[in-house]
Every structure is written in C-alpha cells, then in structure tokens.
C-alpha cells in the first residue's frame, strides 16, 4: 500500500455588490462592497511513500467548528514542516491511502484587481451621492475644500455628527430614526421636568 498526501490550491472569484436600487439604478441603497463570489479548491499531490503513515503524538489541532472536540492528526513532511490531516480516503482500487492536508500551496485571486477598480468607481459615486444628499455634509466639504467623491462619507459623518448614528434611506444619508426618537423623548422628558419644577415653585 502507498500513502499519498495532497495540498491545496485555493481559487477565489470576486464580485462587487453595488447596492443600487433595482428600480432606479442611479440611486444607492447601501455602501458598495466587494466579497468572494465563489471559491474552488484543487488538491494536487505533494508527497507519496510506501506503507502506512505514522502520526506525531506531540501535538493535535482541534477543529474550530466542532463542538465535540474533533481533532486533526499531524505528521511531518520535512524536518521542520508539520501538516495536519483534514480528511482521509482509502482507495481500495488503487491500494492507496489518500491524506488531504491543510498545506496551502497557492492562493489565486483570479479577478480581484479588476473588481477593486470597479469598487473604487462605485464608492466614488456613492460618496458623492450621500454627501450631496445631506446639507451639513456638503457644507463641511465646501468649507474645507474637500471633493465629494473621494471623501469617505461615513468618516465625514463621524466628524459632522459625532453623537449621532446614520442610516441610508431612499438614496440619502440621514440621522438614524432611533436617534430622532430618543431626541424627541429626551425633549419631552425635559419639558415635563421643567413643568413639574414650575408647578412646585408656584
């Protein structure tokens, strides 16, 4: 019998989610973002030898996703390189034990640069639209001679409205409704306290 070890080649395919309104594509509903659309995995052979494997007994790596203490056994493929066995298959037709390791040979970001350029373009349009939708943000940019499209609207919000959260609604960047409710509640509360004090003082 032979033992065959396999590594990993990871291929990532990216996409940009612009979060544009499907009814009006000139309007953004949220901040554009880039994420991995699809990941494919290749498992090329990295080593083979005659006989069964002997595993190291000095260390084991626990699977982070397991609630039952699942663990990976490990072995050395060179003097100073340890790999963990994530899966194993015995091929009876070949009389081979296939061990699939955690060794990453290569990561291919197939279309990342192309999508990063698209994301940059979408973010410029998004920033410009959100800043133009809010008079206070516009005023700050105009006073400080900032270009709308290359100014991060979320970071700008923290400067202009340090104590208020924001939300995106109908293609605009506005104060979050919960902030408005809390402000109204506080105002009513202050009004009630003032009236109570005035009544006591009569």
N, C-alpha and C. Protein backbone atom coordinates (compact mmCIF):
# COMPACT_ATOMS: atom_id res chain seq x y z
N UNK A 1 0.83 -1.20 0.00
CA UNK A 1 0.00 0.00 0.00
C UNK A 1 0.87 1.25 0.00
N UNK A 2 0.37 2.28 -0.65
CA UNK A 2 1.05 3.57 -0.64
C UNK A 2 0.19 4.62 0.06
N UNK A 3 0.87 5.57 0.67
CA UNK A 3 0.20 6.72 1.27
C UNK A 3 0.51 7.95 0.41
N UNK A 4 -0.55 8.69 0.07
CA UNK A 4 -0.40 9.87 -0.79
C UNK A 4 -0.93 11.09 -0.04
N UNK A 5 -0.12 12.14 0.03
CA UNK A 5 -0.52 13.38 0.67
C UNK A 5 -0.87 14.43 -0.38
N UNK A 6 -1.92 15.20 -0.08
CA UNK A 6 -2.39 16.23 -1.00
C UNK A 6 -2.41 17.59 -0.30
N UNK A 7 -2.06 18.64 -1.04
CA UNK A 7 -2.16 20.00 -0.54
C UNK A 7 -3.35 20.72 -1.14
N UNK A 8 -3.35 22.06 -1.04
CA UNK A 8 -4.49 22.85 -1.52
C UNK A 8 -4.02 23.98 -2.43
N UNK A 9 -4.76 24.18 -3.51
CA UNK A 9 -4.67 25.42 -4.29
C UNK A 9 -6.05 26.05 -4.23
N UNK A 10 -6.11 27.27 -3.70
CA UNK A 10 -7.39 27.96 -3.49
C UNK A 10 -7.58 29.00 -4.59
N UNK A 11 -8.72 28.94 -5.26
CA UNK A 11 -9.04 29.91 -6.32
C UNK A 11 -10.26 30.72 -5.89
N UNK A 12 -10.05 32.02 -5.70
CA UNK A 12 -11.13 32.91 -5.29
C UNK A 12 -11.61 33.76 -6.47
N UNK A 13 -12.92 33.84 -6.60
CA UNK A 13 -13.53 34.67 -7.64
C UNK A 13 -14.35 35.75 -6.94
N UNK A 14 -14.08 37.02 -7.25
CA UNK A 14 -14.69 38.14 -6.52
C UNK A 14 -15.85 38.77 -7.29
N UNK A 15 -16.70 39.47 -6.54
CA UNK A 15 -17.78 40.25 -7.14
C UNK A 15 -17.96 41.54 -6.35
N UNK A 16 -18.54 42.54 -6.99
CA UNK A 16 -18.86 43.80 -6.33
C UNK A 16 -20.37 43.92 -6.21
N UNK A 17 -20.83 44.12 -5.00
CA UNK A 17 -22.25 44.36 -4.77
C UNK A 17 -22.43 45.86 -4.62
N UNK A 18 -23.00 46.49 -5.62
CA UNK A 18 -23.12 47.95 -5.63
C UNK A 18 -24.24 48.46 -4.75
N UNK A 19 -25.19 47.62 -4.43
CA UNK A 19 -26.36 48.00 -3.63
C UNK A 19 -27.11 49.16 -4.28
N UNK A 20 -27.27 49.07 -5.59
CA UNK A 20 -28.05 50.09 -6.30
C UNK A 20 -29.53 49.69 -6.30
N UNK A 21 -30.37 50.69 -6.30
CA UNK A 21 -31.81 50.47 -6.34
C UNK A 21 -32.18 49.78 -7.65
N UNK A 22 -32.82 48.61 -7.62
CA UNK A 22 -33.17 47.93 -8.88
C UNK A 22 -34.17 48.71 -9.72
N UNK A 23 -34.94 49.59 -9.08
CA UNK A 23 -35.90 50.40 -9.82
C UNK A 23 -35.23 51.63 -10.42
N UNK A 24 -34.34 52.25 -9.65
CA UNK A 24 -33.61 53.43 -10.11
C UNK A 24 -32.12 53.16 -9.86
N UNK A 25 -31.41 52.71 -10.87
CA UNK A 25 -30.03 52.27 -10.70
C UNK A 25 -29.05 53.42 -10.46
N UNK A 26 -29.52 54.65 -10.54
CA UNK A 26 -28.64 55.78 -10.22
C UNK A 26 -28.60 56.01 -8.71
N UNK A 27 -29.45 55.32 -7.98
CA UNK A 27 -29.57 55.57 -6.54
C UNK A 27 -29.01 54.40 -5.74
N UNK A 28 -28.20 54.72 -4.74
CA UNK A 28 -27.61 53.69 -3.87
C UNK A 28 -28.50 53.46 -2.64
N UNK A 29 -28.63 52.20 -2.25
CA UNK A 29 -29.39 51.86 -1.05
C UNK A 29 -28.48 51.55 0.13
N UNK A 30 -27.22 51.26 -0.14
CA UNK A 30 -26.23 50.98 0.90
C UNK A 30 -24.85 51.16 0.30
N UNK A 31 -23.84 51.03 1.12
CA UNK A 31 -22.46 51.22 0.68
C UNK A 31 -22.00 50.05 -0.18
N UNK A 32 -21.43 50.30 -1.35
CA UNK A 32 -20.91 49.21 -2.18
C UNK A 32 -19.83 48.42 -1.45
N UNK A 33 -19.76 47.12 -1.75
CA UNK A 33 -18.76 46.27 -1.10
C UNK A 33 -18.31 45.18 -2.06
N UNK A 34 -17.14 44.66 -1.78
CA UNK A 34 -16.60 43.56 -2.57
C UNK A 34 -16.47 42.33 -1.69
N UNK A 35 -16.85 41.19 -2.22
CA UNK A 35 -16.69 39.95 -1.47
C UNK A 35 -16.40 38.79 -2.42
N UNK A 36 -16.12 37.65 -1.84
CA UNK A 36 -15.82 36.47 -2.64
C UNK A 36 -17.12 35.83 -3.13
N UNK A 37 -17.25 35.72 -4.44
CA UNK A 37 -18.44 35.12 -5.03
C UNK A 37 -18.37 33.61 -5.02
N UNK A 38 -17.18 33.09 -5.28
CA UNK A 38 -17.03 31.63 -5.37
C UNK A 38 -15.60 31.24 -5.07
N UNK A 39 -15.43 30.16 -4.35
CA UNK A 39 -14.11 29.61 -4.07
C UNK A 39 -14.07 28.16 -4.56
N UNK A 40 -13.08 27.86 -5.38
CA UNK A 40 -12.88 26.47 -5.81
C UNK A 40 -11.56 25.98 -5.26
N UNK A 41 -11.49 24.67 -5.07
CA UNK A 41 -10.32 24.08 -4.43
C UNK A 41 -9.73 22.98 -5.30
N UNK A 42 -8.45 23.07 -5.52
CA UNK A 42 -7.71 22.00 -6.19
C UNK A 42 -6.84 21.30 -5.14
N UNK A 43 -6.66 20.00 -5.30
CA UNK A 43 -5.88 19.25 -4.31
C UNK A 43 -4.79 18.44 -5.01
N UNK A 44 -3.69 19.09 -5.39
CA UNK A 44 -2.60 18.37 -6.05
C UNK A 44 -1.81 17.52 -5.07
N UNK A 45 -1.22 16.50 -5.61
CA UNK A 45 -0.38 15.61 -4.80
C UNK A 45 0.92 16.32 -4.43
N UNK A 46 1.34 16.17 -3.16
CA UNK A 46 2.59 16.79 -2.72
C UNK A 46 3.63 15.77 -2.28
N UNK A 47 3.18 14.54 -1.95
CA UNK A 47 4.14 13.55 -1.46
C UNK A 47 3.48 12.18 -1.46
N UNK A 48 4.29 11.15 -1.75
CA UNK A 48 3.79 9.77 -1.62
C UNK A 48 4.92 8.89 -1.11
N UNK A 49 4.54 7.87 -0.38
CA UNK A 49 5.54 6.93 0.14
C UNK A 49 4.89 5.57 0.36
N UNK A 50 5.70 4.56 0.44
CA UNK A 50 5.22 3.20 0.67
C UNK A 50 4.86 3.00 2.13
N UNK A 51 3.80 2.22 2.35
CA UNK A 51 3.41 1.87 3.71
C UNK A 51 2.42 2.83 4.34
N UNK A 52 2.08 2.54 5.58
CA UNK A 52 1.12 3.35 6.32
C UNK A 52 1.82 4.53 6.99
N UNK A 53 1.05 5.61 7.26
CA UNK A 53 1.67 6.78 7.91
C UNK A 53 1.78 6.58 9.41
N UNK A 54 2.74 7.25 10.00
CA UNK A 54 2.87 7.33 11.45
C UNK A 54 2.68 8.79 11.84
N UNK A 55 1.74 9.03 12.74
CA UNK A 55 1.40 10.40 13.10
C UNK A 55 2.20 10.87 14.31
N UNK A 56 2.43 12.17 14.36
CA UNK A 56 3.09 12.77 15.52
C UNK A 56 2.17 12.65 16.74
N UNK A 57 2.73 12.42 17.87
CA UNK A 57 1.90 12.35 19.08
C UNK A 57 2.12 13.54 20.00
N UNK A 58 2.91 14.53 19.53
CA UNK A 58 3.25 15.67 20.38
C UNK A 58 2.24 16.81 20.29
N UNK A 59 1.48 16.85 19.18
CA UNK A 59 0.54 17.97 19.04
C UNK A 59 -0.63 17.57 18.16
N UNK A 60 -1.81 18.09 18.52
CA UNK A 60 -3.01 17.90 17.72
C UNK A 60 -3.73 19.23 17.65
N UNK A 61 -4.33 19.51 16.50
CA UNK A 61 -5.05 20.77 16.30
C UNK A 61 -6.54 20.48 16.31
N UNK A 62 -7.27 21.17 17.18
CA UNK A 62 -8.70 20.94 17.29
C UNK A 62 -9.45 21.73 16.23
N UNK A 63 -10.45 21.10 15.65
CA UNK A 63 -11.26 21.76 14.63
C UNK A 63 -12.08 22.86 15.28
N UNK A 64 -11.94 24.09 14.80
CA UNK A 64 -12.60 25.22 15.44
C UNK A 64 -14.11 25.16 15.29
N UNK A 65 -14.59 24.43 14.29
CA UNK A 65 -16.03 24.40 14.06
C UNK A 65 -16.73 23.32 14.88
N UNK A 66 -15.97 22.49 15.56
CA UNK A 66 -16.57 21.33 16.21
C UNK A 66 -16.91 21.63 17.66
N UNK A 67 -18.09 21.17 18.10
CA UNK A 67 -18.48 21.27 19.50
C UNK A 67 -18.17 19.98 20.25
N UNK A 68 -17.63 18.99 19.54
CA UNK A 68 -17.43 17.68 20.13
C UNK A 68 -15.95 17.32 20.24
N UNK A 69 -15.08 18.30 20.13
CA UNK A 69 -13.68 18.05 20.32
C UNK A 69 -13.01 17.29 19.20
N UNK A 70 -13.51 17.42 17.97
CA UNK A 70 -12.86 16.76 16.85
C UNK A 70 -11.44 17.29 16.71
N UNK A 71 -10.51 16.43 16.30
CA UNK A 71 -9.13 16.85 16.23
C UNK A 71 -8.48 16.32 14.96
N UNK A 72 -7.46 17.03 14.52
CA UNK A 72 -6.70 16.63 13.34
C UNK A 72 -5.36 16.04 13.78
N UNK A 73 -5.03 14.90 13.23
CA UNK A 73 -3.70 14.35 13.48
C UNK A 73 -2.70 15.01 12.55
N UNK A 74 -1.44 14.98 12.93
CA UNK A 74 -0.43 15.66 12.14
C UNK A 74 0.76 14.77 11.89
N UNK A 75 1.52 15.13 10.88
CA UNK A 75 2.78 14.44 10.59
C UNK A 75 3.72 15.44 9.92
N UNK A 76 4.98 15.09 9.87
CA UNK A 76 5.97 15.97 9.26
C UNK A 76 6.26 15.53 7.83
N UNK A 77 6.27 16.52 6.91
CA UNK A 77 6.63 16.21 5.52
C UNK A 77 8.06 16.64 5.23
N UNK A 78 8.69 17.27 6.21
CA UNK A 78 10.12 17.60 6.15
C UNK A 78 10.58 17.77 7.59
N UNK A 79 11.84 18.10 7.75
CA UNK A 79 12.39 18.22 9.10
C UNK A 79 11.68 19.27 9.92
N UNK A 80 11.26 20.37 9.29
CA UNK A 80 10.69 21.48 10.05
C UNK A 80 9.29 21.90 9.58
N UNK A 81 8.61 21.03 8.86
CA UNK A 81 7.25 21.38 8.40
C UNK A 81 6.25 20.31 8.79
N UNK A 82 5.27 20.74 9.56
CA UNK A 82 4.20 19.86 10.03
C UNK A 82 2.92 20.18 9.29
N UNK A 83 2.20 19.16 8.87
CA UNK A 83 0.90 19.36 8.25
C UNK A 83 -0.14 18.58 9.04
N UNK A 84 -1.37 19.10 9.00
CA UNK A 84 -2.48 18.45 9.69
C UNK A 84 -3.37 17.75 8.67
N UNK A 85 -3.88 16.61 9.06
CA UNK A 85 -4.71 15.80 8.17
C UNK A 85 -6.17 16.18 8.40
N UNK A 86 -6.79 16.78 7.38
CA UNK A 86 -8.17 17.22 7.50
C UNK A 86 -9.17 16.17 7.02
N UNK A 87 -8.70 15.29 6.14
CA UNK A 87 -9.60 14.24 5.63
C UNK A 87 -8.76 13.09 5.10
N UNK A 88 -9.34 11.91 5.09
CA UNK A 88 -8.61 10.76 4.56
C UNK A 88 -9.57 9.84 3.82
N UNK A 89 -9.08 9.28 2.74
CA UNK A 89 -9.87 8.34 1.93
C UNK A 89 -8.96 7.16 1.58
N UNK A 90 -9.47 5.96 1.78
CA UNK A 90 -8.71 4.79 1.34
C UNK A 90 -9.24 4.35 -0.02
N UNK A 91 -8.38 4.39 -1.03
CA UNK A 91 -8.75 3.95 -2.37
C UNK A 91 -8.38 2.48 -2.53
N UNK A 92 -9.36 1.60 -2.31
CA UNK A 92 -9.10 0.16 -2.37
C UNK A 92 -8.71 -0.27 -3.78
N UNK A 93 -9.29 0.43 -4.79
CA UNK A 93 -8.98 0.07 -6.17
C UNK A 93 -7.53 0.36 -6.53
N UNK A 94 -6.93 1.34 -5.83
CA UNK A 94 -5.54 1.70 -6.08
C UNK A 94 -4.60 1.19 -4.99
N UNK A 95 -5.19 0.66 -3.93
CA UNK A 95 -4.42 0.27 -2.75
C UNK A 95 -3.60 1.46 -2.24
N UNK A 96 -4.32 2.63 -2.12
CA UNK A 96 -3.67 3.85 -1.67
C UNK A 96 -4.49 4.51 -0.57
N UNK A 97 -3.81 5.05 0.42
CA UNK A 97 -4.44 5.87 1.44
C UNK A 97 -4.19 7.33 1.07
N UNK A 98 -5.26 8.08 0.80
CA UNK A 98 -5.15 9.48 0.42
C UNK A 98 -5.39 10.36 1.65
N UNK A 99 -4.40 11.19 1.97
CA UNK A 99 -4.49 12.09 3.11
C UNK A 99 -4.52 13.53 2.60
N UNK A 100 -5.59 14.24 2.93
CA UNK A 100 -5.77 15.62 2.49
C UNK A 100 -5.36 16.55 3.63
N UNK A 101 -4.30 17.33 3.39
CA UNK A 101 -3.69 18.14 4.45
C UNK A 101 -4.16 19.59 4.40
N UNK A 102 -3.72 20.35 5.41
CA UNK A 102 -4.05 21.77 5.47
C UNK A 102 -2.99 22.64 4.79
N UNK A 103 -2.05 22.03 4.11
CA UNK A 103 -0.98 22.78 3.47
C UNK A 103 -1.50 23.54 2.25
N UNK A 104 -1.39 24.87 2.27
CA UNK A 104 -1.82 25.72 1.16
C UNK A 104 -0.63 25.98 0.25
N UNK A 105 -0.74 25.52 -0.96
CA UNK A 105 0.34 25.68 -1.93
C UNK A 105 0.26 27.02 -2.66
N UNK A 106 -0.98 27.48 -2.85
CA UNK A 106 -1.16 28.69 -3.67
C UNK A 106 -2.56 29.23 -3.44
N UNK A 107 -2.68 30.56 -3.47
CA UNK A 107 -3.98 31.22 -3.43
C UNK A 107 -4.07 32.12 -4.64
N UNK A 108 -5.02 31.86 -5.51
CA UNK A 108 -5.20 32.65 -6.73
C UNK A 108 -6.40 33.58 -6.57
N UNK A 109 -6.12 34.89 -6.64
CA UNK A 109 -7.19 35.89 -6.58
C UNK A 109 -7.50 36.27 -8.02
N UNK A 110 -8.35 35.48 -8.65
CA UNK A 110 -8.48 35.49 -10.11
C UNK A 110 -8.82 36.86 -10.71
N UNK A 111 -9.82 37.52 -10.17
CA UNK A 111 -10.26 38.79 -10.77
C UNK A 111 -10.28 39.92 -9.75
N UNK A 112 -9.45 39.82 -8.72
CA UNK A 112 -9.50 40.77 -7.62
C UNK A 112 -9.16 42.19 -8.05
N UNK A 113 -8.10 42.36 -8.84
CA UNK A 113 -7.69 43.71 -9.26
C UNK A 113 -8.78 44.37 -10.09
N UNK A 114 -9.38 43.61 -10.98
CA UNK A 114 -10.46 44.15 -11.82
C UNK A 114 -11.63 44.62 -10.96
N UNK A 115 -12.01 43.81 -9.97
CA UNK A 115 -13.14 44.15 -9.12
C UNK A 115 -12.80 45.28 -8.16
N UNK A 116 -11.54 45.39 -7.75
CA UNK A 116 -11.14 46.51 -6.90
C UNK A 116 -11.29 47.84 -7.63
N UNK A 117 -10.98 47.85 -8.92
CA UNK A 117 -11.16 49.06 -9.72
C UNK A 117 -12.63 49.42 -9.84
N UNK A 118 -13.48 48.41 -10.04
CA UNK A 118 -14.92 48.65 -10.12
C UNK A 118 -15.44 49.16 -8.78
N UNK A 119 -14.97 48.56 -7.69
CA UNK A 119 -15.40 49.01 -6.36
C UNK A 119 -15.02 50.46 -6.12
N UNK A 120 -13.81 50.84 -6.50
CA UNK A 120 -13.35 52.22 -6.32
C UNK A 120 -14.25 53.19 -7.07
N UNK A 121 -14.63 52.82 -8.29
CA UNK A 121 -15.52 53.67 -9.08
C UNK A 121 -16.89 53.80 -8.42
N UNK A 122 -17.42 52.68 -7.92
CA UNK A 122 -18.73 52.68 -7.27
C UNK A 122 -18.70 53.49 -5.97
N UNK A 123 -17.61 53.38 -5.23
CA UNK A 123 -17.50 54.11 -3.96
C UNK A 123 -17.43 55.62 -4.20
N UNK A 124 -16.77 56.02 -5.27
CA UNK A 124 -16.70 57.45 -5.59
C UNK A 124 -18.10 58.00 -5.88
N UNK A 125 -18.86 57.24 -6.67
CA UNK A 125 -20.23 57.67 -7.00
C UNK A 125 -21.11 57.66 -5.75
N UNK A 126 -20.91 56.67 -4.91
CA UNK A 126 -21.68 56.53 -3.66
C UNK A 126 -21.39 57.70 -2.72
N UNK A 127 -20.10 57.99 -2.49
CA UNK A 127 -19.74 59.08 -1.58
C UNK A 127 -20.32 60.41 -2.06
N UNK A 128 -20.21 60.65 -3.36
CA UNK A 128 -20.73 61.90 -3.92
C UNK A 128 -22.24 62.01 -3.70
N UNK A 129 -22.95 60.91 -3.95
CA UNK A 129 -24.41 60.95 -3.80
C UNK A 129 -24.81 61.16 -2.34
N UNK A 130 -24.16 60.46 -1.41
CA UNK A 130 -24.54 60.57 0.00
C UNK A 130 -24.22 61.96 0.56
N UNK A 131 -23.08 62.53 0.18
CA UNK A 131 -22.72 63.86 0.68
C UNK A 131 -23.64 64.91 0.10
N UNK A 132 -23.97 64.77 -1.18
CA UNK A 132 -24.88 65.73 -1.81
C UNK A 132 -26.29 65.65 -1.22
N UNK A 133 -26.62 64.53 -0.61
CA UNK A 133 -27.97 64.35 -0.05
C UNK A 133 -28.12 64.99 1.32
N UNK A 134 -27.00 65.45 1.90
CA UNK A 134 -27.05 65.99 3.26
C UNK A 134 -26.39 67.37 3.29
N UNK A 135 -27.16 68.39 3.63
CA UNK A 135 -26.66 69.76 3.58
C UNK A 135 -25.50 70.00 4.54
N UNK A 136 -25.52 69.37 5.71
CA UNK A 136 -24.44 69.57 6.68
C UNK A 136 -23.13 68.97 6.18
N UNK A 137 -23.21 67.81 5.56
CA UNK A 137 -22.01 67.19 5.00
C UNK A 137 -21.47 68.02 3.84
N UNK A 138 -22.37 68.50 3.01
CA UNK A 138 -21.96 69.36 1.89
C UNK A 138 -21.27 70.62 2.40
N UNK A 139 -21.87 71.23 3.41
CA UNK A 139 -21.31 72.48 3.94
C UNK A 139 -19.89 72.26 4.46
N UNK A 140 -19.69 71.16 5.17
CA UNK A 140 -18.35 70.87 5.71
C UNK A 140 -17.33 70.70 4.58
N UNK A 141 -17.73 69.95 3.55
CA UNK A 141 -16.82 69.74 2.42
C UNK A 141 -16.50 71.04 1.70
N UNK A 142 -17.50 71.88 1.54
CA UNK A 142 -17.29 73.15 0.84
C UNK A 142 -16.37 74.08 1.62
N UNK A 143 -16.56 74.11 2.93
CA UNK A 143 -15.73 74.98 3.78
C UNK A 143 -14.28 74.52 3.76
N UNK A 144 -14.08 73.19 3.78
CA UNK A 144 -12.73 72.63 3.87
C UNK A 144 -12.17 72.20 2.51
N UNK A 145 -12.86 72.58 1.45
CA UNK A 145 -12.40 72.31 0.08
C UNK A 145 -12.14 70.81 -0.16
N UNK A 146 -13.09 69.98 0.22
CA UNK A 146 -12.99 68.54 0.04
C UNK A 146 -13.84 68.11 -1.16
N UNK A 147 -13.30 67.25 -1.98
CA UNK A 147 -14.07 66.70 -3.10
C UNK A 147 -15.04 65.65 -2.58
N UNK A 148 -16.28 65.74 -3.02
CA UNK A 148 -17.30 64.82 -2.52
C UNK A 148 -16.95 63.36 -2.82
N UNK A 149 -16.49 63.09 -4.04
CA UNK A 149 -16.35 61.70 -4.47
C UNK A 149 -15.21 60.95 -3.78
N UNK A 150 -14.17 61.66 -3.35
CA UNK A 150 -13.04 60.96 -2.72
C UNK A 150 -13.03 61.16 -1.20
N UNK A 151 -14.11 61.71 -0.67
CA UNK A 151 -14.25 61.85 0.79
C UNK A 151 -15.13 60.72 1.30
N UNK A 152 -14.62 59.94 2.22
CA UNK A 152 -15.39 58.84 2.80
C UNK A 152 -16.55 59.42 3.59
N UNK A 153 -17.77 59.21 3.10
CA UNK A 153 -18.94 59.85 3.72
C UNK A 153 -19.17 59.35 5.15
N UNK A 154 -18.82 58.09 5.43
CA UNK A 154 -19.03 57.55 6.78
C UNK A 154 -18.06 58.17 7.78
N UNK A 155 -16.81 58.36 7.36
CA UNK A 155 -15.83 59.01 8.23
C UNK A 155 -16.19 60.49 8.41
N UNK A 156 -16.69 61.11 7.35
CA UNK A 156 -17.11 62.50 7.43
C UNK A 156 -18.27 62.66 8.40
N UNK A 157 -19.18 61.72 8.39
CA UNK A 157 -20.34 61.76 9.30
C UNK A 157 -19.88 61.82 10.75
N UNK A 158 -18.86 61.03 11.08
CA UNK A 158 -18.36 60.98 12.46
C UNK A 158 -17.83 62.34 12.92
N UNK A 159 -17.34 63.13 11.96
CA UNK A 159 -16.83 64.47 12.29
C UNK A 159 -17.98 65.46 12.44
N UNK A 160 -18.91 65.41 11.50
CA UNK A 160 -20.01 66.38 11.48
C UNK A 160 -21.07 66.05 12.53
N UNK A 161 -21.35 64.77 12.71
CA UNK A 161 -22.36 64.33 13.69
C UNK A 161 -21.74 63.32 14.66
N UNK A 162 -20.85 63.75 15.54
CA UNK A 162 -20.12 62.80 16.39
C UNK A 162 -21.00 61.99 17.34
N UNK A 163 -22.18 62.50 17.67
CA UNK A 163 -23.04 61.82 18.65
C UNK A 163 -24.27 61.17 18.03
N UNK A 164 -24.30 61.11 16.70
CA UNK A 164 -25.49 60.57 16.04
C UNK A 164 -25.11 59.45 15.07
N UNK A 165 -25.94 58.43 15.03
CA UNK A 165 -25.76 57.35 14.07
C UNK A 165 -26.47 57.71 12.77
N UNK A 166 -26.07 57.05 11.69
CA UNK A 166 -26.69 57.33 10.40
C UNK A 166 -27.34 56.08 9.83
N UNK A 167 -28.15 56.31 8.82
CA UNK A 167 -28.70 55.22 8.03
C UNK A 167 -28.88 55.70 6.60
N UNK A 168 -28.92 54.73 5.68
CA UNK A 168 -29.16 55.05 4.27
C UNK A 168 -30.63 54.77 3.98
N UNK A 169 -31.29 55.77 3.42
CA UNK A 169 -32.71 55.61 3.14
C UNK A 169 -33.07 56.42 1.90
N UNK A 170 -33.67 55.74 0.93
CA UNK A 170 -34.13 56.39 -0.31
C UNK A 170 -32.99 57.15 -0.99
N UNK A 171 -31.81 56.57 -1.00
CA UNK A 171 -30.68 57.19 -1.67
C UNK A 171 -30.08 58.36 -0.92
N UNK A 172 -30.36 58.46 0.38
CA UNK A 172 -29.86 59.57 1.17
C UNK A 172 -29.20 59.04 2.45
N UNK A 173 -28.32 59.86 2.99
CA UNK A 173 -27.67 59.57 4.26
C UNK A 173 -28.31 60.46 5.31
N UNK A 174 -29.01 59.85 6.25
CA UNK A 174 -29.79 60.63 7.21
C UNK A 174 -29.51 60.16 8.64
N UNK A 175 -29.95 60.97 9.61
CA UNK A 175 -29.82 60.59 11.01
C UNK A 175 -30.73 59.39 11.26
N UNK A 176 -30.20 58.39 11.93
CA UNK A 176 -30.96 57.18 12.20
C UNK A 176 -32.22 57.49 13.00
N UNK A 177 -33.31 56.83 12.63
CA UNK A 177 -34.60 57.15 13.25
C UNK A 177 -34.58 56.96 14.75
N UNK A 178 -33.85 55.99 15.25
CA UNK A 178 -33.80 55.77 16.70
C UNK A 178 -33.21 56.99 17.40
N UNK A 179 -32.25 57.67 16.75
CA UNK A 179 -31.68 58.89 17.32
C UNK A 179 -32.75 59.97 17.44
N UNK A 180 -33.58 60.07 16.39
CA UNK A 180 -34.64 61.08 16.39
C UNK A 180 -35.66 60.81 17.49
N UNK A 181 -36.01 59.52 17.65
CA UNK A 181 -36.98 59.13 18.68
C UNK A 181 -36.43 59.45 20.06
N UNK A 182 -35.14 59.10 20.28
CA UNK A 182 -34.52 59.36 21.57
C UNK A 182 -34.45 60.85 21.86
N UNK A 183 -34.13 61.65 20.80
CA UNK A 183 -34.05 63.10 20.97
C UNK A 183 -35.41 63.68 21.34
N UNK A 184 -36.46 63.20 20.67
CA UNK A 184 -37.82 63.67 20.97
C UNK A 184 -38.22 63.27 22.38
N UNK A 185 -37.86 62.03 22.76
CA UNK A 185 -38.20 61.56 24.10
C UNK A 185 -37.49 62.36 25.16
N UNK A 186 -36.23 62.69 24.92
CA UNK A 186 -35.48 63.49 25.87
C UNK A 186 -36.06 64.89 25.98
N UNK A 187 -36.46 65.46 24.84
CA UNK A 187 -37.04 66.80 24.85
C UNK A 187 -38.35 66.82 25.64
N UNK A 188 -39.18 65.79 25.43
CA UNK A 188 -40.45 65.70 26.16
C UNK A 188 -40.20 65.52 27.65
N UNK A 189 -39.17 64.71 27.96
CA UNK A 189 -38.84 64.47 29.36
C UNK A 189 -38.38 65.76 30.02
N UNK A 190 -37.52 66.50 29.33
CA UNK A 190 -37.05 67.78 29.87
C UNK A 190 -38.19 68.77 30.05
N UNK A 191 -39.13 68.74 29.10
CA UNK A 191 -40.30 69.62 29.17
C UNK A 191 -41.15 69.28 30.40
N UNK A 192 -41.33 67.97 30.64
CA UNK A 192 -42.13 67.52 31.78
C UNK A 192 -41.46 67.92 33.09
N UNK A 193 -40.15 67.77 33.15
CA UNK A 193 -39.41 68.14 34.37
C UNK A 193 -39.52 69.64 34.63
N UNK A 194 -39.38 70.42 33.55
CA UNK A 194 -39.48 71.88 33.69
C UNK A 194 -40.85 72.29 34.21
N UNK A 195 -41.90 71.65 33.69
CA UNK A 195 -43.26 71.96 34.14
C UNK A 195 -43.45 71.58 35.60
N UNK A 196 -42.89 70.43 35.97
CA UNK A 196 -43.03 69.98 37.35
C UNK A 196 -42.34 70.95 38.31
N UNK A 197 -41.16 71.42 37.92
CA UNK A 197 -40.42 72.37 38.76
C UNK A 197 -41.19 73.68 38.88
N UNK A 198 -41.77 74.10 37.74
CA UNK A 198 -42.53 75.36 37.74
C UNK A 198 -43.75 75.24 38.66
N UNK A 199 -44.39 74.07 38.66
CA UNK A 199 -45.58 73.86 39.49
C UNK A 199 -45.19 73.88 40.95
N UNK A 200 -44.07 73.28 41.30
CA UNK A 200 -43.61 73.24 42.69
C UNK A 200 -43.30 74.66 43.19
N UNK A 201 -42.73 75.46 42.30
CA UNK A 201 -42.31 76.80 42.69
C UNK A 201 -43.46 77.79 42.82
N UNK A 202 -44.65 77.38 42.35
CA UNK A 202 -45.80 78.32 42.42
C UNK A 202 -46.26 78.49 43.87
